[in-house]
Amino acid sequence: MSEEQQDKTGEAAEPQAAEPQALEPKAAEPKAPKGKAKGKGEDAAEPKAAKGKGAEAKAAEPKAAGGKGKAKAAEPSEDAEALKGYVPRLKDRYNKEIRAALTEKFGYKNPMQIPRLLKVTVSMGVGEGTRDIKLLDAAEQELSLITGQKPKRTRARKSVANFKLRAGMPIGCFVTLRGYRMYEFLDRLITVAIPRIRDFRGLPSRSFDGRGNHSMGIREHLIFMELDHNKVAKDRGLNIATITSAKTDEEALELLRQFGMPFREI
C-alpha cells in the first residue's frame, strides 16, 4: 500500500509541478496587448521623429541664411576698411600745414584753440515746388549729385496768403556735410566750381556772421561738373554756409584763406 500511495502522490505531484509552468504563458498574455499599445505608441512616435527632423532642418535653414546675411553685411565693412587709409587732400593739408600756420600767426598755446571746420551746409530754395512737386524732386536729385549725399526737404513754418503758401508745404531742400565728404566738397568747390563763375573777382571778405561762420551764394548751380547741362531744365541758386570753431571772424577768414578760398584783397 505504501508503494501505491507513493505512486499516487507522485502522479499528483507532477501536475502540481506543471501548474507554475502553465502560469508563464498566462502572465505573458497581458504583456502582449501592452506590446501592441507600445507598437501604436511607436507608430505615433514616428511622425514626432519626422517632425523633430523637420524642425531641425527648419532650424538649420535660418542659421544658414543668417550666415549668408553676415557675409552680405561684411561687404560694406570691406569698403570701410579700404577707406581707412584714405585722407582727403584738404584735411591732410590742415594737419600738416594750416595748424602750424595758424598757431604761428595767432600764438595759440593750446592745440584745442586752433580753429577747424565743423560742417558745411548746402541749401537750395524751390518756391515752384508748391505748385509742381516734380520740380522739387528734380532739385533734390541735382543737389544729391553735387554733394554726394541725399538731401532733406525744408517746409514752410508759417502761412503766407500773398505767396499762396501754407504751413508745412515743401519749399526747398538742404544737405549737411561732415567728415571726409565736407573736405571733398570744399576741394571741388575751390578748385573747380568757383573758377567757372562768370566775371569772378573774388569772394567778399565781409560775409561772416561775427562768430566765425561764412556764407556765400551761387546764382547758377551749373558751375559744378557733376551736372549734365542737357538734363538740367532750369538754373537754380545755392547757398553754402561754412561753420567753423573760430571765435572771431579774423580767425575764420585766415582758416578759409589757408584752405584756398579766393577772397578779395582789401
C-alpha atoms as a PDB file:
ATOM      1  CA  MET A   1       0.000   0.000   0.000  1.00  0.00           C
ATOM      2  CA  SER A   2       2.823   2.347   0.638  1.00  0.00           C
ATOM      3  CA  GLU A   3       4.163   1.954  -2.931  1.00  0.00           C
ATOM      4  CA  GLU A   4       0.722   2.675  -4.426  1.00  0.00           C
ATOM      5  CA  GLN A   5       0.341   5.718  -2.229  1.00  0.00           C
ATOM      6  CA  GLN A   6       3.748   6.850  -3.335  1.00  0.00           C
ATOM      7  CA  ASP A   7       2.749   6.327  -6.975  1.00  0.00           C
ATOM      8  CA  LYS A   8      -0.445   8.324  -6.430  1.00  0.00           C
ATOM      9  CA  THR A   9       1.336  11.043  -4.627  1.00  0.00           C
ATOM     10  CA  GLY A  10       3.950  11.105  -7.386  1.00  0.00           C
ATOM     11  CA  GLU A  11       1.273  11.414 -10.042  1.00  0.00           C
ATOM     12  CA  ALA A  12      -0.416  14.159  -8.077  1.00  0.00           C
ATOM     13  CA  ALA A  13       2.879  15.890  -7.630  1.00  0.00           C
ATOM     14  CA  GLU A  14       3.531  16.049 -11.356  1.00  0.00           C
ATOM     15  CA  PRO A  15       0.510  18.233 -12.258  1.00  0.00           C
ATOM     16  CA  GLN A  16       1.226  20.409  -9.264  1.00  0.00           C
ATOM     17  CA  ALA A  17       4.738  20.988 -10.539  1.00  0.00           C
ATOM     18  CA  ALA A  18       3.360  21.700 -14.010  1.00  0.00           C
ATOM     19  CA  GLU A  19       0.970  24.376 -12.748  1.00  0.00           C
ATOM     20  CA  PRO A  20       3.595  27.111 -12.397  1.00  0.00           C
ATOM     21  CA  GLN A  21       4.786  26.298 -15.932  1.00  0.00           C
ATOM     22  CA  ALA A  22       1.252  26.933 -17.195  1.00  0.00           C
ATOM     23  CA  LEU A  23       1.225  30.296 -15.415  1.00  0.00           C
ATOM     24  CA  GLU A  24       4.081  31.651 -17.567  1.00  0.00           C
ATOM     25  CA  PRO A  25       2.065  31.935 -20.804  1.00  0.00           C
ATOM     26  CA  LYS A  26      -0.847  33.387 -18.830  1.00  0.00           C
ATOM     27  CA  ALA A  27       1.418  36.065 -17.435  1.00  0.00           C
ATOM     28  CA  ALA A  28       2.753  36.691 -20.966  1.00  0.00           C
ATOM     29  CA  GLU A  29      -0.726  37.172 -22.423  1.00  0.00           C
ATOM     30  CA  PRO A  30      -1.432  40.548 -20.765  1.00  0.00           C
ATOM     31  CA  LYS A  31       2.026  41.697 -21.871  1.00  0.00           C
ATOM     32  CA  ALA A  32       1.047  41.152 -25.492  1.00  0.00           C
ATOM     33  CA  PRO A  33      -1.645  43.880 -25.579  1.00  0.00           C
ATOM     34  CA  LYS A  34       0.784  46.191 -23.790  1.00  0.00           C
ATOM     35  CA  GLY A  35       3.253  45.469 -26.532  1.00  0.00           C
ATOM     36  CA  LYS A  36       0.564  46.345 -29.081  1.00  0.00           C
ATOM     37  CA  ALA A  37      -0.065  49.605 -27.254  1.00  0.00           C
ATOM     38  CA  LYS A  38       3.612  50.231 -27.362  1.00  0.00           C
ATOM     39  CA  GLY A  39       3.569  49.439 -31.011  1.00  0.00           C
ATOM     40  CA  LYS A  40       0.884  52.043 -31.508  1.00  0.00           C
ATOM     41  CA  GLY A  41       2.961  54.439 -29.449  1.00  0.00           C
ATOM     42  CA  GLU A  42       5.921  53.715 -31.661  1.00  0.00           C
ATOM     43  CA  ASP A  43       3.786  54.323 -34.728  1.00  0.00           C
ATOM     44  CA  ALA A  44       2.644  57.588 -33.186  1.00  0.00           C
ATOM     45  CA  ALA A  45       6.211  58.432 -32.284  1.00  0.00           C
ATOM     46  CA  GLU A  46       7.355  58.110 -35.903  1.00  0.00           C
ATOM     47  CA  PRO A  47       5.691  61.331 -37.086  1.00  0.00           C
ATOM     48  CA  LYS A  48       7.083  63.035 -33.989  1.00  0.00           C
ATOM     49  CA  ALA A  49      10.523  61.980 -35.050  1.00  0.00           C
ATOM     50  CA  ALA A  50       9.747  63.226 -38.527  1.00  0.00           C
ATOM     51  CA  LYS A  51       8.561  66.491 -37.043  1.00  0.00           C
ATOM     52  CA  GLY A  52      11.713  66.663 -34.993  1.00  0.00           C
ATOM     53  CA  LYS A  53      13.804  66.160 -38.101  1.00  0.00           C
ATOM     54  CA  GLY A  54      11.808  68.786 -39.927  1.00  0.00           C
ATOM     55  CA  ALA A  55      12.203  71.179 -37.033  1.00  0.00           C
ATOM     56  CA  GLU A  56      15.932  70.533 -37.029  1.00  0.00           C
ATOM     57  CA  ALA A  57      16.049  71.136 -40.771  1.00  0.00           C
ATOM     58  CA  LYS A  58      13.970  74.289 -40.445  1.00  0.00           C
ATOM     59  CA  ALA A  59      16.051  75.459 -37.530  1.00  0.00           C
ATOM     60  CA  ALA A  60      19.157  74.857 -39.592  1.00  0.00           C
ATOM     61  CA  GLU A  61      17.853  76.856 -42.544  1.00  0.00           C
ATOM     62  CA  PRO A  62      17.648  80.270 -40.794  1.00  0.00           C
ATOM     63  CA  LYS A  63      21.087  79.656 -39.358  1.00  0.00           C
ATOM     64  CA  ALA A  64      22.425  79.126 -42.842  1.00  0.00           C
ATOM     65  CA  ALA A  65      20.524  82.168 -44.043  1.00  0.00           C
ATOM     66  CA  GLY A  66      21.894  84.122 -41.111  1.00  0.00           C
ATOM     67  CA  GLY A  67      25.362  83.080 -42.116  1.00  0.00           C
ATOM     68  CA  LYS A  68      24.702  84.349 -45.643  1.00  0.00           C
ATOM     69  CA  GLY A  69      23.335  87.567 -44.199  1.00  0.00           C
ATOM     70  CA  LYS A  70      26.516  88.023 -42.224  1.00  0.00           C
ATOM     71  CA  ALA A  71      28.513  87.506 -45.400  1.00  0.00           C
ATOM     72  CA  LYS A  72      26.450  90.198 -47.140  1.00  0.00           C
ATOM     73  CA  ALA A  73      26.813  92.565 -44.202  1.00  0.00           C
ATOM     74  CA  ALA A  74      30.568  92.144 -44.455  1.00  0.00           C
ATOM     75  CA  GLU A  75      30.636  93.769 -47.913  1.00  0.00           C
ATOM     76  CA  PRO A  76      30.344  97.404 -46.723  1.00  0.00           C
ATOM     77  CA  SER A  77      32.868  96.699 -43.987  1.00  0.00           C
ATOM     78  CA  GLU A  78      35.371  95.825 -46.720  1.00  0.00           C
ATOM     79  CA  ASP A  79      34.728  99.227 -48.305  1.00  0.00           C
ATOM     80  CA  ALA A  80      35.136 100.856 -44.908  1.00  0.00           C
ATOM     81  CA  GLU A  81      38.445  99.061 -44.454  1.00  0.00           C
ATOM     82  CA  ALA A  82      39.520 100.271 -47.897  1.00  0.00           C
ATOM     83  CA  LEU A  83      38.767 103.874 -46.823  1.00  0.00           C
ATOM     84  CA  LYS A  84      40.655 103.600 -43.533  1.00  0.00           C
ATOM     85  CA  GLY A  85      43.905 104.759 -45.071  1.00  0.00           C
ATOM     86  CA  TYR A  86      42.235 107.454 -47.202  1.00  0.00           C
ATOM     87  CA  VAL A  87      42.730 111.070 -46.111  1.00  0.00           C
ATOM     88  CA  PRO A  88      41.183 113.967 -48.107  1.00  0.00           C
ATOM     89  CA  ARG A  89      43.671 116.399 -49.573  1.00  0.00           C
ATOM     90  CA  LEU A  90      42.416 119.415 -47.621  1.00  0.00           C
ATOM     91  CA  LYS A  91      42.384 117.528 -44.338  1.00  0.00           C
ATOM     92  CA  ASP A  92      45.950 116.391 -44.919  1.00  0.00           C
ATOM     93  CA  ARG A  93      46.955 119.983 -45.628  1.00  0.00           C
ATOM     94  CA  TYR A  94      45.203 121.147 -42.469  1.00  0.00           C
ATOM     95  CA  ASN A  95      47.080 118.649 -40.289  1.00  0.00           C
ATOM     96  CA  LYS A  96      50.490 119.285 -41.858  1.00  0.00           C
ATOM     97  CA  GLU A  97      50.498 122.998 -42.775  1.00  0.00           C
ATOM     98  CA  ILE A  98      47.451 125.010 -41.701  1.00  0.00           C
ATOM     99  CA  ARG A  99      47.581 124.166 -37.986  1.00  0.00           C
ATOM    100  CA  ALA A 100      51.190 125.306 -37.741  1.00  0.00           C
ATOM    101  CA  ALA A 101      50.499 128.492 -39.735  1.00  0.00           C
ATOM    102  CA  LEU A 102      47.530 129.462 -37.532  1.00  0.00           C
ATOM    103  CA  THR A 103      49.474 128.761 -34.356  1.00  0.00           C
ATOM    104  CA  GLU A 104      52.333 130.951 -35.536  1.00  0.00           C
ATOM    105  CA  LYS A 105      50.081 133.847 -36.519  1.00  0.00           C
ATOM    106  CA  PHE A 106      47.698 133.924 -33.527  1.00  0.00           C
ATOM    107  CA  GLY A 107      50.016 132.424 -30.895  1.00  0.00           C
ATOM    108  CA  TYR A 108      47.801 129.602 -29.632  1.00  0.00           C
ATOM    109  CA  LYS A 109      49.150 127.922 -26.506  1.00  0.00           C
ATOM    110  CA  ASN A 110      46.730 125.009 -26.536  1.00  0.00           C
ATOM    111  CA  PRO A 111      46.200 122.847 -29.659  1.00  0.00           C
ATOM    112  CA  MET A 112      42.458 122.787 -28.947  1.00  0.00           C
ATOM    113  CA  GLN A 113      42.339 126.553 -29.545  1.00  0.00           C
ATOM    114  CA  ILE A 114      43.232 126.144 -33.213  1.00  0.00           C
ATOM    115  CA  PRO A 115      40.077 126.706 -35.299  1.00  0.00           C
ATOM    116  CA  ARG A 116      38.837 123.901 -37.523  1.00  0.00           C
ATOM    117  CA  LEU A 117      35.997 123.106 -39.898  1.00  0.00           C
ATOM    118  CA  LEU A 118      32.874 121.658 -38.309  1.00  0.00           C
ATOM    119  CA  LYS A 119      30.375 121.283 -41.150  1.00  0.00           C
ATOM    120  CA  VAL A 120      29.221 122.669 -44.482  1.00  0.00           C
ATOM    121  CA  THR A 121      25.537 123.218 -45.263  1.00  0.00           C
ATOM    122  CA  VAL A 122      24.328 123.442 -48.868  1.00  0.00           C
ATOM    123  CA  SER A 123      20.715 124.582 -49.321  1.00  0.00           C
ATOM    124  CA  MET A 124      18.511 125.196 -52.344  1.00  0.00           C
ATOM    125  CA  GLY A 125      15.203 127.053 -52.386  1.00  0.00           C
ATOM    126  CA  VAL A 126      12.499 125.816 -54.760  1.00  0.00           C
ATOM    127  CA  GLY A 127       9.459 128.057 -54.476  1.00  0.00           C
ATOM    128  CA  GLU A 128       7.857 126.482 -57.548  1.00  0.00           C
ATOM    129  CA  GLY A 129       7.723 123.178 -55.691  1.00  0.00           C
ATOM    130  CA  THR A 130       4.487 124.280 -54.027  1.00  0.00           C
ATOM    131  CA  ARG A 131       2.774 124.142 -57.417  1.00  0.00           C
ATOM    132  CA  ASP A 132       4.672 121.285 -59.050  1.00  0.00           C
ATOM    133  CA  ILE A 133       6.287 118.647 -56.860  1.00  0.00           C
ATOM    134  CA  LYS A 134       8.314 117.334 -59.823  1.00  0.00           C
ATOM    135  CA  LEU A 135      10.444 120.477 -59.747  1.00  0.00           C
ATOM    136  CA  LEU A 136      11.346 119.790 -56.134  1.00  0.00           C
ATOM    137  CA  ASP A 137      12.189 116.169 -56.950  1.00  0.00           C
ATOM    138  CA  ALA A 138      14.494 117.334 -59.744  1.00  0.00           C
ATOM    139  CA  ALA A 139      16.190 119.822 -57.408  1.00  0.00           C
ATOM    140  CA  GLU A 140      16.791 117.099 -54.821  1.00  0.00           C
ATOM    141  CA  GLN A 141      18.320 114.830 -57.438  1.00  0.00           C
ATOM    142  CA  GLU A 142      20.645 117.585 -58.669  1.00  0.00           C
ATOM    143  CA  LEU A 143      21.697 118.507 -55.131  1.00  0.00           C
ATOM    144  CA  SER A 144      22.470 114.868 -54.358  1.00  0.00           C
ATOM    145  CA  LEU A 145      24.710 114.713 -57.445  1.00  0.00           C
ATOM    146  CA  ILE A 146      26.561 117.858 -56.369  1.00  0.00           C
ATOM    147  CA  THR A 147      27.154 116.866 -52.756  1.00  0.00           C
ATOM    148  CA  GLY A 148      27.111 113.050 -52.912  1.00  0.00           C
ATOM    149  CA  GLN A 149      24.524 112.860 -50.123  1.00  0.00           C
ATOM    150  CA  LYS A 150      20.746 112.563 -50.054  1.00  0.00           C
ATOM    151  CA  PRO A 151      19.130 115.942 -49.247  1.00  0.00           C
ATOM    152  CA  LYS A 152      16.354 116.652 -46.787  1.00  0.00           C
ATOM    153  CA  ARG A 153      13.286 118.747 -47.596  1.00  0.00           C
ATOM    154  CA  THR A 154      12.540 122.047 -45.898  1.00  0.00           C
ATOM    155  CA  ARG A 155       8.948 123.052 -45.166  1.00  0.00           C
ATOM    156  CA  ALA A 156       7.268 126.379 -44.559  1.00  0.00           C
ATOM    157  CA  ARG A 157       6.824 127.345 -40.926  1.00  0.00           C
ATOM    158  CA  LYS A 158       4.148 129.987 -41.499  1.00  0.00           C
ATOM    159  CA  SER A 159       1.316 130.523 -43.940  1.00  0.00           C
ATOM    160  CA  VAL A 160       1.638 133.479 -46.340  1.00  0.00           C
ATOM    161  CA  ALA A 161      -1.515 134.302 -48.301  1.00  0.00           C
ATOM    162  CA  ASN A 162       0.251 136.565 -50.822  1.00  0.00           C
ATOM    163  CA  PHE A 163       2.503 133.690 -51.933  1.00  0.00           C
ATOM    164  CA  LYS A 164      -0.286 131.089 -51.688  1.00  0.00           C
ATOM    165  CA  LEU A 165       1.809 129.323 -49.097  1.00  0.00           C
ATOM    166  CA  ARG A 166       0.538 127.211 -46.235  1.00  0.00           C
ATOM    167  CA  ALA A 167       2.480 125.990 -43.236  1.00  0.00           C
ATOM    168  CA  GLY A 168       4.028 122.580 -43.825  1.00  0.00           C
ATOM    169  CA  MET A 169       4.359 122.864 -47.617  1.00  0.00           C
ATOM    170  CA  PRO A 170       7.779 121.831 -49.067  1.00  0.00           C
ATOM    171  CA  ILE A 171       9.751 124.846 -50.324  1.00  0.00           C
ATOM    172  CA  GLY A 172      13.316 123.554 -50.730  1.00  0.00           C
ATOM    173  CA  CYS A 173      15.994 121.084 -49.675  1.00  0.00           C
ATOM    174  CA  PHE A 174      19.357 121.098 -47.923  1.00  0.00           C
ATOM    175  CA  VAL A 175      22.343 118.873 -47.137  1.00  0.00           C
ATOM    176  CA  THR A 176      24.702 118.953 -44.134  1.00  0.00           C
ATOM    177  CA  LEU A 177      28.194 117.630 -44.879  1.00  0.00           C
ATOM    178  CA  ARG A 178      30.694 116.463 -42.290  1.00  0.00           C
ATOM    179  CA  GLY A 179      33.914 114.491 -42.274  1.00  0.00           C
ATOM    180  CA  TYR A 180      35.618 113.485 -45.485  1.00  0.00           C
ATOM    181  CA  ARG A 181      32.566 114.485 -47.601  1.00  0.00           C
ATOM    182  CA  MET A 182      32.890 118.033 -46.283  1.00  0.00           C
ATOM    183  CA  TYR A 183      36.556 118.223 -47.272  1.00  0.00           C
ATOM    184  CA  GLU A 184      35.907 116.679 -50.685  1.00  0.00           C
ATOM    185  CA  PHE A 185      33.086 119.126 -51.428  1.00  0.00           C
ATOM    186  CA  LEU A 186      35.188 122.124 -50.410  1.00  0.00           C
ATOM    187  CA  ASP A 187      38.059 120.861 -52.548  1.00  0.00           C
ATOM    188  CA  ARG A 188      35.824 120.624 -55.628  1.00  0.00           C
ATOM    189  CA  LEU A 189      34.219 123.973 -54.832  1.00  0.00           C
ATOM    190  CA  ILE A 190      37.545 125.811 -54.525  1.00  0.00           C
ATOM    191  CA  THR A 191      39.489 124.189 -57.343  1.00  0.00           C
ATOM    192  CA  VAL A 192      36.778 123.515 -59.973  1.00  0.00           C
ATOM    193  CA  ALA A 193      33.428 125.228 -59.345  1.00  0.00           C
ATOM    194  CA  ILE A 194      34.376 128.771 -58.246  1.00  0.00           C
ATOM    195  CA  PRO A 195      36.839 129.367 -61.139  1.00  0.00           C
ATOM    196  CA  ARG A 196      33.963 128.678 -63.561  1.00  0.00           C
ATOM    197  CA  ILE A 197      31.884 131.627 -62.284  1.00  0.00           C
ATOM    198  CA  ARG A 198      31.493 134.353 -64.887  1.00  0.00           C
ATOM    199  CA  ASP A 199      33.376 137.587 -64.209  1.00  0.00           C
ATOM    200  CA  PHE A 200      34.593 136.276 -60.880  1.00  0.00           C
ATOM    201  CA  ARG A 201      36.653 138.798 -58.888  1.00  0.00           C
ATOM    202  CA  GLY A 202      36.923 137.062 -55.563  1.00  0.00           C
ATOM    203  CA  LEU A 203      34.682 136.314 -52.621  1.00  0.00           C
ATOM    204  CA  PRO A 204      33.741 139.191 -50.305  1.00  0.00           C
ATOM    205  CA  SER A 205      35.616 139.048 -47.016  1.00  0.00           C
ATOM    206  CA  ARG A 206      32.704 140.544 -45.090  1.00  0.00           C
ATOM    207  CA  SER A 207      30.378 137.563 -45.486  1.00  0.00           C
ATOM    208  CA  PHE A 208      30.870 136.424 -41.896  1.00  0.00           C
ATOM    209  CA  ASP A 209      28.302 136.421 -39.113  1.00  0.00           C
ATOM    210  CA  GLY A 210      30.596 137.676 -36.339  1.00  0.00           C
ATOM    211  CA  ARG A 211      31.040 134.209 -34.784  1.00  0.00           C
ATOM    212  CA  GLY A 212      33.428 132.633 -37.270  1.00  0.00           C
ATOM    213  CA  ASN A 213      30.902 131.302 -39.800  1.00  0.00           C
ATOM    214  CA  HIS A 214      30.978 132.149 -43.502  1.00  0.00           C
ATOM    215  CA  SER A 215      28.158 132.061 -46.059  1.00  0.00           C
ATOM    216  CA  MET A 216      28.090 132.573 -49.807  1.00  0.00           C
ATOM    217  CA  GLY A 217      25.517 132.425 -52.577  1.00  0.00           C
ATOM    218  CA  ILE A 218      25.813 130.955 -56.075  1.00  0.00           C
ATOM    219  CA  ARG A 219      23.412 132.064 -58.791  1.00  0.00           C
ATOM    220  CA  GLU A 220      23.880 129.124 -61.140  1.00  0.00           C
ATOM    221  CA  HIS A 221      24.414 125.609 -59.860  1.00  0.00           C
ATOM    222  CA  LEU A 222      25.629 124.521 -63.295  1.00  0.00           C
ATOM    223  CA  ILE A 223      29.166 125.520 -62.307  1.00  0.00           C
ATOM    224  CA  PHE A 224      29.510 122.064 -60.734  1.00  0.00           C
ATOM    225  CA  MET A 225      30.929 119.457 -63.072  1.00  0.00           C
ATOM    226  CA  GLU A 226      28.710 116.696 -61.671  1.00  0.00           C
ATOM    227  CA  LEU A 227      25.653 118.049 -63.525  1.00  0.00           C
ATOM    228  CA  ASP A 228      24.790 117.349 -67.158  1.00  0.00           C
ATOM    229  CA  HIS A 229      23.658 120.575 -68.845  1.00  0.00           C
ATOM    230  CA  ASN A 230      21.403 118.664 -71.231  1.00  0.00           C
ATOM    231  CA  LYS A 231      19.417 117.132 -68.362  1.00  0.00           C
ATOM    232  CA  VAL A 232      19.007 120.284 -66.262  1.00  0.00           C
ATOM    233  CA  ALA A 233      15.729 122.021 -67.058  1.00  0.00           C
ATOM    234  CA  LYS A 234      16.317 125.234 -65.083  1.00  0.00           C
ATOM    235  CA  ASP A 235      19.211 127.061 -63.437  1.00  0.00           C
ATOM    236  CA  ARG A 236      18.921 127.304 -59.679  1.00  0.00           C
ATOM    237  CA  GLY A 237      20.834 129.092 -56.958  1.00  0.00           C
ATOM    238  CA  LEU A 238      22.659 127.635 -53.978  1.00  0.00           C
ATOM    239  CA  ASN A 239      23.534 128.861 -50.513  1.00  0.00           C
ATOM    240  CA  ILE A 240      26.714 127.450 -48.968  1.00  0.00           C
ATOM    241  CA  ALA A 241      27.412 128.011 -45.265  1.00  0.00           C
ATOM    242  CA  THR A 242      30.756 127.007 -43.750  1.00  0.00           C
ATOM    243  CA  ILE A 243      30.677 126.564 -39.986  1.00  0.00           C
ATOM    244  CA  THR A 244      33.991 126.681 -38.084  1.00  0.00           C
ATOM    245  CA  SER A 245      35.092 126.555 -34.456  1.00  0.00           C
ATOM    246  CA  ALA A 246      36.754 130.004 -34.689  1.00  0.00           C
ATOM    247  CA  LYS A 247      35.648 132.590 -32.153  1.00  0.00           C
ATOM    248  CA  THR A 248      36.338 135.625 -34.342  1.00  0.00           C
ATOM    249  CA  ASP A 249      35.849 136.457 -37.998  1.00  0.00           C
ATOM    250  CA  GLU A 250      39.546 137.178 -38.403  1.00  0.00           C
ATOM    251  CA  GLU A 251      40.488 133.636 -37.377  1.00  0.00           C
ATOM    252  CA  ALA A 252      37.826 132.119 -39.618  1.00  0.00           C
ATOM    253  CA  LEU A 253      38.956 134.261 -42.567  1.00  0.00           C
ATOM    254  CA  GLU A 254      42.545 133.129 -42.156  1.00  0.00           C
ATOM    255  CA  LEU A 255      41.454 129.487 -41.830  1.00  0.00           C
ATOM    256  CA  LEU A 256      39.448 129.538 -45.066  1.00  0.00           C
ATOM    257  CA  ARG A 257      42.151 131.505 -46.845  1.00  0.00           C
ATOM    258  CA  GLN A 258      44.673 128.829 -45.881  1.00  0.00           C
ATOM    259  CA  PHE A 259      42.341 126.223 -47.418  1.00  0.00           C
ATOM    260  CA  GLY A 260      42.417 128.189 -50.680  1.00  0.00           C
ATOM    261  CA  MET A 261      39.222 130.248 -50.608  1.00  0.00           C
ATOM    262  CA  PRO A 262      39.738 133.120 -53.113  1.00  0.00           C
ATOM    263  CA  PHE A 263      38.805 136.170 -51.000  1.00  0.00           C
ATOM    264  CA  ARG A 264      39.146 139.712 -52.289  1.00  0.00           C
ATOM    265  CA  GLU A 265      42.126 141.690 -51.154  1.00  0.00           C
ATOM    266  CA  ILE A 266      41.053 144.810 -49.265  1.00  0.00           C
END
